[in-house]
Amino acid sequence: MTATAVGAPGHHPAYDWITPTEAATRLRIPVREVYRLIDRGEVPGYRLAEEIRLLAHEVDELARRRPPR
């Protein structure tokens, strides 16, 4: 299986993986709060190898649902 670059033909934005740090930046919260959101089931976290990743569109949806900070 080969990776497809963002914006390349065949790339699908539903599979844009981001780190908890990137999620924290998008949500404007501390990284530790991202892990709490995952633990509470407010946003899914996925273990890829030994690292946690989130799907960008799921984080963006959470950002739309949460009140502004």
N, C-alpha and C. Protein backbone atom coordinates (compact mmCIF):
# COMPACT_ATOMS: atom_id res chain seq x y z
N MET A 1 0.85 -1.18 0.00
CA MET A 1 0.00 0.00 0.00
C MET A 1 0.89 1.23 0.00
N THR A 2 0.62 2.16 -0.86
CA THR A 2 1.41 3.38 -0.92
C THR A 2 0.59 4.56 -0.43
N ALA A 3 1.26 5.55 0.11
CA ALA A 3 0.58 6.75 0.58
C ALA A 3 0.27 7.65 -0.60
N THR A 4 -0.82 8.39 -0.50
CA THR A 4 -1.19 9.34 -1.53
C THR A 4 -1.04 10.73 -0.94
N ALA A 5 -0.32 11.59 -1.62
CA ALA A 5 -0.07 12.94 -1.12
C ALA A 5 -1.35 13.76 -1.10
N VAL A 6 -1.44 14.65 -0.12
CA VAL A 6 -2.59 15.55 -0.03
C VAL A 6 -2.70 16.35 -1.31
N GLY A 7 -3.90 16.41 -1.85
CA GLY A 7 -4.14 17.15 -3.08
C GLY A 7 -3.87 16.35 -4.35
N ALA A 8 -3.28 15.18 -4.21
CA ALA A 8 -2.97 14.35 -5.38
C ALA A 8 -4.24 13.64 -5.86
N PRO A 9 -4.29 13.29 -7.14
CA PRO A 9 -5.43 12.50 -7.61
C PRO A 9 -5.55 11.22 -6.78
N GLY A 10 -6.74 10.91 -6.35
CA GLY A 10 -6.94 9.73 -5.53
C GLY A 10 -6.88 10.01 -4.04
N HIS A 11 -6.44 11.21 -3.66
CA HIS A 11 -6.42 11.57 -2.24
C HIS A 11 -7.84 11.86 -1.79
N HIS A 12 -8.19 11.36 -0.63
CA HIS A 12 -9.52 11.62 -0.07
C HIS A 12 -9.35 12.31 1.27
N PRO A 13 -9.91 13.53 1.45
CA PRO A 13 -9.70 14.28 2.69
C PRO A 13 -10.24 13.58 3.93
N ALA A 14 -11.10 12.60 3.78
CA ALA A 14 -11.61 11.88 4.95
C ALA A 14 -10.50 11.10 5.64
N TYR A 15 -9.37 10.93 4.97
CA TYR A 15 -8.28 10.17 5.56
C TYR A 15 -7.05 11.03 5.83
N ASP A 16 -7.28 12.31 6.15
CA ASP A 16 -6.19 13.19 6.56
C ASP A 16 -5.96 12.99 8.05
N TRP A 17 -4.87 12.32 8.40
CA TRP A 17 -4.53 12.05 9.79
C TRP A 17 -3.77 13.23 10.37
N ILE A 18 -4.11 13.60 11.62
CA ILE A 18 -3.38 14.65 12.30
C ILE A 18 -2.96 14.15 13.69
N THR A 19 -1.96 14.80 14.24
CA THR A 19 -1.47 14.44 15.57
C THR A 19 -2.33 15.12 16.63
N PRO A 20 -2.25 14.65 17.87
CA PRO A 20 -2.95 15.35 18.96
C PRO A 20 -2.51 16.81 19.09
N THR A 21 -1.24 17.10 18.81
CA THR A 21 -0.77 18.47 18.86
C THR A 21 -1.45 19.33 17.80
N GLU A 22 -1.59 18.79 16.59
CA GLU A 22 -2.29 19.51 15.53
C GLU A 22 -3.76 19.70 15.87
N ALA A 23 -4.37 18.68 16.49
CA ALA A 23 -5.77 18.79 16.91
C ALA A 23 -5.92 19.89 17.97
N ALA A 24 -4.98 19.95 18.90
CA ALA A 24 -5.03 20.97 19.94
C ALA A 24 -4.97 22.37 19.32
N THR A 25 -4.14 22.53 18.31
CA THR A 25 -4.04 23.82 17.63
C THR A 25 -5.36 24.18 16.97
N ARG A 26 -5.96 23.21 16.29
CA ARG A 26 -7.25 23.47 15.60
C ARG A 26 -8.34 23.81 16.60
N LEU A 27 -8.31 23.15 17.76
CA LEU A 27 -9.36 23.35 18.76
C LEU A 27 -9.04 24.48 19.74
N ARG A 28 -7.80 24.98 19.68
CA ARG A 28 -7.32 26.03 20.59
C ARG A 28 -7.43 25.61 22.04
N ILE A 29 -6.94 24.39 22.31
CA ILE A 29 -6.92 23.84 23.66
C ILE A 29 -5.56 23.20 23.91
N PRO A 30 -5.22 22.93 25.17
CA PRO A 30 -3.97 22.22 25.45
C PRO A 30 -4.02 20.78 24.92
N VAL A 31 -2.87 20.23 24.62
CA VAL A 31 -2.79 18.86 24.11
C VAL A 31 -3.40 17.87 25.10
N ARG A 32 -3.15 18.08 26.38
CA ARG A 32 -3.71 17.14 27.37
C ARG A 32 -5.24 17.08 27.30
N GLU A 33 -5.87 18.21 26.92
CA GLU A 33 -7.33 18.22 26.78
C GLU A 33 -7.77 17.38 25.58
N VAL A 34 -6.96 17.32 24.53
CA VAL A 34 -7.27 16.46 23.38
C VAL A 34 -7.34 15.00 23.86
N TYR A 35 -6.38 14.59 24.68
CA TYR A 35 -6.40 13.23 25.20
C TYR A 35 -7.63 12.99 26.08
N ARG A 36 -8.04 14.00 26.83
CA ARG A 36 -9.26 13.87 27.65
C ARG A 36 -10.49 13.71 26.75
N LEU A 37 -10.55 14.47 25.66
CA LEU A 37 -11.67 14.34 24.72
C LEU A 37 -11.72 12.93 24.14
N ILE A 38 -10.56 12.38 23.82
CA ILE A 38 -10.49 11.01 23.30
C ILE A 38 -10.98 10.04 24.37
N ASP A 39 -10.50 10.20 25.61
CA ASP A 39 -10.90 9.31 26.70
C ASP A 39 -12.40 9.36 26.96
N ARG A 40 -12.99 10.56 26.82
CA ARG A 40 -14.43 10.71 27.06
C ARG A 40 -15.27 10.30 25.85
N GLY A 41 -14.63 10.00 24.73
CA GLY A 41 -15.36 9.58 23.54
C GLY A 41 -15.94 10.73 22.74
N GLU A 42 -15.50 11.97 23.00
CA GLU A 42 -16.01 13.12 22.27
C GLU A 42 -15.43 13.20 20.86
N VAL A 43 -14.26 12.63 20.68
CA VAL A 43 -13.63 12.53 19.36
C VAL A 43 -12.84 11.23 19.36
N PRO A 44 -12.92 10.44 18.29
CA PRO A 44 -12.16 9.19 18.27
C PRO A 44 -10.67 9.42 18.07
N GLY A 45 -9.89 8.65 18.77
CA GLY A 45 -8.44 8.61 18.56
C GLY A 45 -8.10 7.23 18.02
N TYR A 46 -7.17 7.16 17.13
CA TYR A 46 -6.80 5.90 16.49
C TYR A 46 -5.33 5.63 16.73
N ARG A 47 -5.02 4.42 17.12
CA ARG A 47 -3.62 4.05 17.32
C ARG A 47 -3.07 3.54 16.00
N LEU A 48 -2.09 4.26 15.45
CA LEU A 48 -1.40 3.86 14.23
C LEU A 48 0.03 3.54 14.64
N ALA A 49 0.37 2.28 14.57
CA ALA A 49 1.65 1.79 15.10
C ALA A 49 1.65 2.10 16.59
N GLU A 50 2.55 2.93 17.03
CA GLU A 50 2.61 3.25 18.47
C GLU A 50 2.20 4.68 18.76
N GLU A 51 1.54 5.32 17.80
CA GLU A 51 1.17 6.72 17.96
C GLU A 51 -0.33 6.91 17.82
N ILE A 52 -0.85 7.92 18.51
CA ILE A 52 -2.26 8.27 18.41
C ILE A 52 -2.42 9.29 17.29
N ARG A 53 -3.41 9.08 16.46
CA ARG A 53 -3.74 10.02 15.39
C ARG A 53 -5.25 10.23 15.41
N LEU A 54 -5.66 11.35 14.86
CA LEU A 54 -7.07 11.69 14.74
C LEU A 54 -7.35 12.02 13.28
N LEU A 55 -8.59 11.86 12.88
CA LEU A 55 -8.98 12.25 11.52
C LEU A 55 -9.34 13.73 11.54
N ALA A 56 -8.75 14.48 10.63
CA ALA A 56 -8.92 15.93 10.59
C ALA A 56 -10.40 16.32 10.52
N HIS A 57 -11.18 15.62 9.70
CA HIS A 57 -12.58 16.02 9.56
C HIS A 57 -13.37 15.79 10.84
N GLU A 58 -12.98 14.79 11.65
CA GLU A 58 -13.66 14.56 12.92
C GLU A 58 -13.32 15.65 13.93
N VAL A 59 -12.07 16.10 13.92
CA VAL A 59 -11.66 17.20 14.81
C VAL A 59 -12.36 18.49 14.38
N ASP A 60 -12.44 18.74 13.07
CA ASP A 60 -13.11 19.93 12.58
C ASP A 60 -14.60 19.93 12.94
N GLU A 61 -15.22 18.76 12.87
CA GLU A 61 -16.63 18.64 13.25
C GLU A 61 -16.79 18.94 14.74
N LEU A 62 -15.90 18.43 15.56
CA LEU A 62 -15.94 18.71 16.99
C LEU A 62 -15.79 20.21 17.24
N ALA A 63 -14.88 20.85 16.52
CA ALA A 63 -14.68 22.29 16.66
C ALA A 63 -15.96 23.06 16.34
N ARG A 64 -16.71 22.59 15.36
CA ARG A 64 -17.97 23.27 15.01
C ARG A 64 -19.04 23.08 16.10
N ARG A 65 -19.01 21.94 16.79
CA ARG A 65 -20.01 21.64 17.82
C ARG A 65 -19.70 22.32 19.15
N ARG A 66 -18.41 22.57 19.42
CA ARG A 66 -18.01 23.12 20.72
C ARG A 66 -18.20 24.63 20.75
N PRO A 67 -18.56 25.16 21.92
CA PRO A 67 -18.66 26.62 22.02
C PRO A 67 -17.30 27.26 21.88
N PRO A 68 -17.24 28.48 21.36
CA PRO A 68 -15.94 29.16 21.20
C PRO A 68 -15.28 29.39 22.55
N ARG A 69 -13.95 29.37 22.55
CA ARG A 69 -13.19 29.59 23.79
C ARG A 69 -12.61 30.96 23.79
